[in-house]
Amino acid sequence: MGWMYQNGLGVKKDLSQAAYWYQKAAGQGYASAQNNLGGMYQNGLGVKKDLTQALNWYQKAADQGNVRAQNNLGILYIKGDGIPRDREKAILWFKKAAGKGNKAAKNNLKKLGESL
């Protein structure tokens, strides 16, 4: 439901409704919803921007092996977006995601001059 509201698929686009449904699914441990909710908090979409919440939800999803969340955590750490910059943690998360075939993470490693 969150994805449908976020993208206006079969329903009127409503970011606050998207966040509501992602929150329900994320609270039940659904990693994809946790990642999506993290993105909403990171960008202030349908919720007040809150980088601590973004980090929290990305971390929960990444710990479950969600490669998009792992890449997103890497981005937060490399940018220092709401958290202290930490190149080593960024590389760790990029490598986890890249090792599972995530192209964005592979590109991020390449930009940092790192390899698997």
Protein backbone atom coordinates (compact mmCIF):
# COMPACT_ATOMS: atom_id res chain seq x y z
CA MET A 1 0.00 0.00 0.00
CA GLY A 2 2.83 2.39 0.80
CA TRP A 3 4.34 1.97 -2.65
CA MET A 4 0.93 2.54 -4.26
CA TYR A 5 0.35 5.77 -2.34
CA GLN A 6 3.92 6.97 -2.88
CA ASN A 7 3.65 6.52 -6.63
CA GLY A 8 -0.06 7.12 -7.23
CA LEU A 9 -0.67 3.58 -8.50
CA GLY A 10 -4.42 2.94 -8.45
CA VAL A 11 -4.84 5.60 -5.76
CA LYS A 12 -4.26 9.33 -5.55
CA LYS A 13 -0.61 10.03 -4.70
CA ASP A 14 -0.42 10.80 -0.99
CA LEU A 15 2.98 10.77 0.70
CA SER A 16 1.61 10.92 4.24
CA GLN A 17 -0.51 7.83 3.50
CA ALA A 18 2.54 6.16 1.98
CA ALA A 19 4.52 6.85 5.15
CA TYR A 20 1.64 5.51 7.25
CA TRP A 21 1.55 2.21 5.36
CA TYR A 22 5.33 1.88 5.25
CA GLN A 23 5.38 2.44 9.02
CA LYS A 24 2.87 -0.37 9.57
CA ALA A 25 4.85 -2.79 7.40
CA ALA A 26 8.23 -1.64 8.75
CA GLY A 27 7.05 -2.19 12.31
CA GLN A 28 6.29 -5.80 11.38
CA GLY A 29 9.87 -6.26 10.17
CA TYR A 30 9.37 -5.95 6.41
CA ALA A 31 12.83 -4.85 5.21
CA SER A 32 11.73 -3.22 1.96
CA ALA A 33 9.22 -1.05 3.83
CA GLN A 34 11.91 -0.18 6.40
CA ASN A 35 14.20 0.97 3.59
CA ASN A 36 11.42 2.97 1.93
CA LEU A 37 10.44 4.57 5.23
CA GLY A 38 14.09 5.49 5.79
CA GLY A 39 14.07 7.27 2.45
CA MET A 40 10.94 9.17 3.36
CA TYR A 41 12.51 10.35 6.62
CA GLN A 42 15.79 11.19 4.89
CA ASN A 43 14.04 13.39 2.36
CA GLY A 44 11.09 14.66 4.39
CA LEU A 45 8.51 13.00 2.14
CA GLY A 46 5.15 12.65 3.88
CA VAL A 47 6.91 12.99 7.24
CA LYS A 48 9.08 15.60 8.89
CA LYS A 49 12.70 15.16 7.79
CA ASP A 50 14.47 13.20 10.50
CA LEU A 51 17.90 11.78 9.74
CA THR A 52 18.00 9.82 12.98
CA GLN A 53 14.84 7.99 11.93
CA ALA A 54 16.24 7.51 8.42
CA LEU A 55 19.38 5.92 9.85
CA ASN A 56 17.31 3.75 12.20
CA TRP A 57 15.10 2.34 9.45
CA TYR A 58 17.94 1.89 6.96
CA GLN A 59 19.92 0.04 9.64
CA LYS A 60 17.04 -2.32 10.42
CA ALA A 61 16.59 -3.15 6.73
CA ALA A 62 20.32 -3.43 6.05
CA ASP A 63 20.76 -5.81 8.97
CA GLN A 64 18.19 -8.06 7.28
CA GLY A 65 20.26 -8.02 4.08
CA ASN A 66 18.28 -5.45 2.09
CA VAL A 67 20.84 -4.32 -0.49
CA ARG A 68 19.13 -1.00 -1.21
CA ALA A 69 19.25 -0.15 2.49
CA GLN A 70 22.89 -1.22 2.68
CA ASN A 71 23.73 1.13 -0.18
CA ASN A 72 21.65 3.91 1.43
CA LEU A 73 23.54 3.48 4.70
CA GLY A 74 26.80 3.76 2.80
CA ILE A 75 25.59 7.01 1.29
CA LEU A 76 24.63 8.42 4.70
CA TYR A 77 28.05 7.53 6.09
CA ILE A 78 30.04 8.88 3.14
CA LYS A 79 28.10 12.16 3.14
CA GLY A 80 27.89 12.48 6.91
CA ASP A 81 24.16 13.08 6.40
CA GLY A 82 22.84 13.31 9.95
CA ILE A 83 25.70 11.23 11.30
CA PRO A 84 29.47 11.70 11.51
CA ARG A 85 31.22 10.93 8.22
CA ASP A 86 32.76 7.49 8.32
CA ARG A 87 34.47 6.28 5.16
CA GLU A 88 35.18 2.82 6.59
CA LYS A 89 31.54 2.18 7.50
CA ALA A 90 30.44 3.52 4.12
CA ILE A 91 32.79 1.13 2.33
CA LEU A 92 31.64 -1.77 4.52
CA TRP A 93 27.99 -1.19 3.59
CA PHE A 94 28.77 -0.57 -0.09
CA LYS A 95 30.75 -3.82 -0.19
CA LYS A 96 27.92 -5.79 1.40
CA ALA A 97 25.45 -4.49 -1.17
CA ALA A 98 27.86 -4.77 -4.08
CA GLY A 99 28.68 -8.34 -3.11
CA LYS A 100 25.02 -9.15 -3.65
CA GLY A 101 25.03 -7.52 -7.08
CA ASN A 102 23.76 -4.01 -6.29
CA LYS A 103 24.99 -1.87 -9.19
CA ALA A 104 24.63 1.44 -7.34
CA ALA A 105 26.86 0.16 -4.54
CA LYS A 106 29.41 -1.10 -7.09
CA ASN A 107 29.46 2.37 -8.66
CA ASN A 108 29.84 4.00 -5.25
CA LEU A 109 32.83 1.78 -4.49
CA LYS A 110 34.34 2.63 -7.85
CA LYS A 111 33.93 6.37 -7.15
CA LEU A 112 35.77 5.86 -3.86
CA GLY A 113 38.58 3.97 -5.60
CA GLU A 114 37.66 0.74 -3.81
CA SER A 115 37.03 -2.73 -5.13
CA LEU A 116 35.35 -5.86 -3.84
